[in-house]
Protein backbone atom coordinates (compact mmCIF):
# COMPACT_ATOMS: atom_id res chain seq x y z
CA MET A 1 -17.78 8.71 -5.42
CA LEU A 2 -16.62 5.28 -6.55
CA LYS A 3 -17.53 2.34 -4.35
CA THR A 4 -14.30 2.22 -2.36
CA LEU A 5 -12.77 -0.15 0.17
CA VAL A 6 -9.96 0.87 2.50
CA ILE A 7 -7.69 -2.13 3.19
CA ILE A 8 -5.82 -1.89 6.50
CA PRO A 9 -3.22 -4.60 7.22
CA ALA A 10 -2.50 -4.82 10.95
CA TYR A 11 0.15 -6.83 12.74
CA ASN A 12 0.56 -6.10 16.46
CA GLU A 13 -1.04 -2.66 16.14
CA SER A 14 -2.97 -2.71 19.42
CA ARG A 15 -1.63 0.73 20.36
CA ASN A 16 -2.24 2.31 16.95
CA ILE A 17 -5.34 0.78 15.37
CA VAL A 18 -8.00 2.73 17.30
CA LYS A 19 -6.42 6.06 16.38
CA THR A 20 -6.09 4.89 12.77
CA ILE A 21 -9.81 4.11 12.51
CA GLU A 22 -10.74 7.32 14.32
CA ASP A 23 -8.71 9.28 11.76
CA LEU A 24 -10.37 7.36 8.92
CA LYS A 25 -13.85 8.00 10.29
CA SER A 26 -13.17 11.67 10.97
CA TYR A 27 -12.39 12.32 7.29
CA GLN A 28 -14.37 9.52 5.62
CA PRO A 29 -17.34 8.69 7.89
CA ASP A 30 -19.19 6.73 5.21
CA ILE A 31 -16.34 4.86 3.55
CA ASP A 32 -16.08 1.07 3.80
CA TYR A 33 -12.96 -0.44 5.36
CA ILE A 34 -11.63 -3.85 6.29
CA ILE A 35 -8.85 -4.49 8.78
CA VAL A 36 -6.84 -7.64 8.09
CA ASN A 37 -5.49 -8.81 11.43
CA ASP A 38 -2.33 -10.55 10.29
CA GLY A 39 -1.89 -13.12 13.07
CA SER A 40 -1.13 -10.50 15.72
CA THR A 41 0.34 -11.79 18.97
CA ASP A 42 -0.57 -8.75 21.07
CA HIS A 43 -4.10 -7.56 21.94
CA THR A 44 -5.05 -6.35 18.46
CA ILE A 45 -7.84 -8.90 17.98
CA GLU A 46 -9.42 -8.06 21.35
CA ILE A 47 -9.42 -4.36 20.47
CA LEU A 48 -11.01 -5.05 17.07
CA GLU A 49 -13.73 -7.09 18.73
CA ASN A 50 -14.36 -4.66 21.57
CA HIS A 51 -14.69 -1.69 19.21
CA HIS A 52 -16.80 -3.65 16.72
CA PHE A 53 -14.43 -2.78 13.90
CA HIS A 54 -14.82 -4.50 10.53
CA TYR A 55 -12.05 -7.06 10.25
CA ILE A 56 -10.84 -10.36 8.84
CA ASN A 57 -8.79 -12.46 11.22
CA SER A 58 -5.82 -14.47 9.97
CA LEU A 59 -4.73 -17.21 12.35
CA GLN A 60 -1.13 -16.93 11.20
CA ASN A 61 1.17 -14.14 10.12
CA LEU A 62 1.01 -13.90 6.32
CA GLY A 63 3.16 -10.81 6.03
CA LEU A 64 2.21 -7.56 4.31
CA PHE A 65 1.70 -9.28 0.96
CA GLY A 66 -0.69 -11.89 2.34
CA ALA A 67 -2.63 -9.38 4.43
CA VAL A 68 -3.11 -6.87 1.61
CA GLU A 69 -3.91 -9.63 -0.89
CA THR A 70 -6.64 -10.82 1.49
CA GLY A 71 -8.09 -7.31 1.36
CA PHE A 72 -7.95 -7.28 -2.43
CA LYS A 73 -9.78 -10.60 -2.55
CA TRP A 74 -12.49 -9.13 -0.31
CA ALA A 75 -12.72 -6.06 -2.57
CA LEU A 76 -12.99 -8.25 -5.68
CA LEU A 77 -15.60 -10.51 -4.09
CA ASN A 78 -17.73 -7.52 -3.10
CA HIS A 79 -17.39 -5.65 -6.41
CA TYR A 80 -15.56 -2.54 -5.20
CA GLN A 81 -14.56 -0.05 -7.88
CA ALA A 82 -11.50 1.20 -5.99
CA ALA A 83 -9.32 0.01 -3.13
CA ILE A 84 -7.06 2.04 -0.85
CA GLN A 85 -4.04 0.43 0.79
CA PHE A 86 -3.77 2.15 4.19
CA ASP A 87 -1.33 1.33 7.00
CA GLY A 88 -2.64 0.39 10.42
CA ASP A 89 0.20 2.11 12.28
CA GLY A 90 -1.17 5.64 12.01
CA GLN A 91 1.40 6.97 9.53
CA HIS A 92 -1.11 7.58 6.74
CA SER A 93 -3.72 10.32 6.96
CA ALA A 94 -7.25 9.74 5.68
CA LYS A 95 -7.59 13.41 4.70
CA TYR A 96 -5.80 12.56 1.43
CA ILE A 97 -8.07 9.67 0.44
CA ASN A 98 -10.32 11.87 -1.70
CA GLU A 99 -7.28 13.01 -3.69
CA LEU A 100 -6.30 9.41 -4.39
CA ILE A 101 -9.84 8.45 -5.41
CA LYS A 102 -10.01 11.53 -7.64
CA GLY A 103 -7.00 10.19 -9.53
CA ILE A 104 -8.78 6.88 -10.11
CA GLU A 105 -11.87 8.77 -11.31
CA GLU A 106 -9.64 10.67 -13.75
CA GLY A 107 -8.70 7.36 -15.36
CA TYR A 108 -5.48 6.39 -13.60
CA ASP A 109 -5.06 2.75 -12.59
CA ILE A 110 -2.86 3.34 -9.54
CA VAL A 111 -2.53 6.54 -7.53
CA ILE A 112 0.32 6.76 -5.04
CA GLY A 113 0.25 9.00 -1.99
CA SER A 114 3.74 10.41 -2.43
CA ARG A 115 5.84 12.17 0.17
CA TYR A 116 8.08 13.54 -2.58
CA GLN A 117 5.89 14.51 -5.52
CA THR A 118 6.44 18.22 -4.87
CA LYS A 119 8.75 18.07 -1.85
CA LYS A 120 12.46 17.31 -1.96
CA LYS A 121 13.52 13.85 -0.89
CA PRO A 122 16.03 13.98 2.00
CA TRP A 123 19.51 12.50 1.78
CA ASN A 124 19.55 9.82 4.45
CA GLY A 125 20.23 6.09 4.39
CA ARG A 126 16.65 5.01 3.86
CA MET A 127 15.95 7.61 1.18
CA ILE A 128 19.12 6.67 -0.69
CA GLY A 129 17.53 3.25 -1.04
CA SER A 130 14.31 4.87 -2.29
CA ARG A 131 16.31 6.91 -4.81
CA LEU A 132 18.04 3.78 -6.13
CA ILE A 133 14.68 2.01 -6.50
CA SER A 134 13.30 5.04 -8.38
CA ILE A 135 16.33 5.01 -10.69
CA ALA A 136 15.90 1.28 -11.36
CA ILE A 137 12.21 1.80 -12.25
CA LYS A 138 13.17 4.68 -14.55
CA LEU A 139 15.79 2.54 -16.31
CA VAL A 140 13.38 -0.25 -17.24
CA THR A 141 10.15 1.71 -17.81
CA ASN A 142 11.28 5.27 -18.59
CA LYS A 143 8.73 6.38 -15.98
CA THR A 144 9.55 8.38 -12.86
CA ILE A 145 8.07 7.26 -9.54
CA HIS A 146 9.19 9.70 -6.86
CA ASP A 147 8.06 7.65 -3.86
CA PRO A 148 8.04 3.98 -4.91
CA THR A 149 8.10 2.66 -1.34
CA SER A 150 4.94 4.48 -0.25
CA GLY A 151 2.33 2.02 0.97
CA PHE A 152 -0.47 4.58 0.65
CA ARG A 153 -2.03 3.74 -2.72
CA ALA A 154 -5.33 3.62 -4.56
CA TYR A 155 -6.15 0.97 -7.18
CA ASN A 156 -8.90 0.71 -9.77
CA GLU A 157 -10.99 -2.39 -10.54
CA SER A 158 -8.57 -3.91 -13.05
CA CYS A 159 -5.67 -3.62 -10.60
CA ILE A 160 -7.78 -5.03 -7.75
CA LYS A 161 -8.28 -8.12 -9.90
CA LEU A 162 -4.58 -8.41 -10.79
CA TYR A 163 -3.45 -8.06 -7.18
CA ALA A 164 -6.17 -10.37 -5.85
CA GLN A 165 -5.68 -13.21 -8.31
CA GLU A 166 -1.97 -13.13 -9.18
CA CYS A 167 0.34 -14.49 -6.49
CA ASN A 168 3.34 -12.73 -8.08
CA ASN A 169 1.96 -9.25 -7.38
CA PRO A 170 2.86 -8.19 -3.86
CA PRO A 171 2.06 -4.53 -3.12
CA GLU A 172 5.73 -3.57 -3.42
CA PRO A 173 7.72 -1.17 -5.64
CA ASP A 174 8.90 -3.87 -8.04
CA THR A 175 5.40 -4.81 -9.21
CA LEU A 176 4.86 -1.22 -10.31
CA VAL A 177 7.17 -2.17 -13.19
CA TYR A 178 4.89 -5.06 -14.12
CA MET A 179 1.86 -2.79 -13.95
CA LEU A 180 3.53 -0.17 -16.15
CA ASN A 181 4.53 -2.86 -18.64
CA ASN A 182 0.87 -3.93 -18.68
CA GLY A 183 -0.08 -0.45 -19.84
CA LYS A 184 -1.30 0.73 -16.45
CA HIS A 185 -1.18 4.45 -15.76
CA ILE A 186 0.24 5.61 -12.44
CA LYS A 187 -0.12 9.01 -10.83
CA GLU A 188 1.42 10.43 -7.64
CA VAL A 189 -0.24 12.99 -5.39
CA GLN A 190 1.55 14.86 -2.64
CA VAL A 191 0.75 13.75 0.91
CA ASP A 192 2.28 14.20 4.33
CA MET A 193 2.76 11.23 6.62
CA HIS A 194 2.96 10.96 10.39
CA GLU A 195 5.70 9.31 12.38
CA ARG A 196 4.73 6.00 13.95
CA GLU A 197 3.82 6.65 17.60
CA TYR A 198 4.07 3.10 18.94
CA GLY A 199 5.93 0.02 17.87
CA LYS A 200 8.81 -0.30 15.44
CA SER A 201 9.05 -0.90 11.72
CA TYR A 202 10.57 -4.23 10.74
CA LEU A 203 12.86 -2.29 8.39
CA ASN A 204 15.92 -1.83 10.60
CA SER A 205 19.19 -1.00 8.86
CA MET A 206 19.98 -4.58 7.84
CA ASN A 207 16.43 -5.39 6.73
CA ALA A 208 16.25 -2.10 4.80
CA LEU A 209 19.45 -3.01 2.93
CA LYS A 210 18.12 -6.49 2.11
CA TYR A 211 14.81 -5.00 1.01
CA MET A 212 16.48 -2.49 -1.29
CA CYS A 213 18.67 -5.18 -2.89
CA ARG A 214 15.69 -7.50 -3.38
CA MET A 215 13.61 -4.76 -4.98
CA ILE A 216 16.36 -3.64 -7.34
CA ILE A 217 17.14 -7.20 -8.46
CA SER A 218 13.44 -7.82 -9.10
CA ILE A 219 12.99 -4.51 -10.95
CA LEU A 220 16.00 -5.04 -13.22
CA PHE A 221 16.01 -8.79 -13.79
CA ILE A 222 12.55 -10.25 -13.05
CA GLN A 223 9.67 -7.83 -13.62
CA PRO A 224 10.67 -6.74 -17.16
CA PHE A 225 10.54 -10.36 -18.33
CA ARG A 226 7.18 -11.36 -16.87
CA LYS A 227 4.48 -12.21 -19.34
CA VAL A 228 2.21 -9.26 -20.00
CA GLU A 229 -1.53 -9.83 -19.58
CA LYS A 230 -3.52 -9.90 -22.84
């Protein structure tokens, strides 16, 4: 297996993080991981310390981009061949990690754990936004990404470097356009995800609408015009 690092951003996940690591260890007992405590204001840091989990502590909230980028920098510094972006809220299941790594071993640059690769996407408010983002990506790249908002992804060494060193590459759907324009190959594999048990997503109805608009504007009017790496 490739030398792989699981990057787990965590903000106020004191009620979820232990179960997340237990799930990871049950399926991947020997895999390396790093939790990036993103300036949590609850008891997350105490739990990480008490359980002797591997973590990096940020003294302020950097947001998802900053937390995941910190993980990529750690992966680059320690010469990992693959990195897995893995949520700290318990929604992702480690049983699919081998499938994502297999895709990297097959030669893909990014492998997305997709809820809708083989399953039909529901028609609800949030998934309408996902559909619109997929359509926007298709328009500018002619590539279909069924689940562009999935945060369960694997990256190869070249992508680790791009995400670690380039401040314009947040781990969001719009940068998939940049990666595709850079000649990167993306694969989706079918996964199932759990519902969050504790806490709430920041994407309430208003934030979800703002997020969708921001992603579509970036996909259509920013990412296609970024300079491609030579």
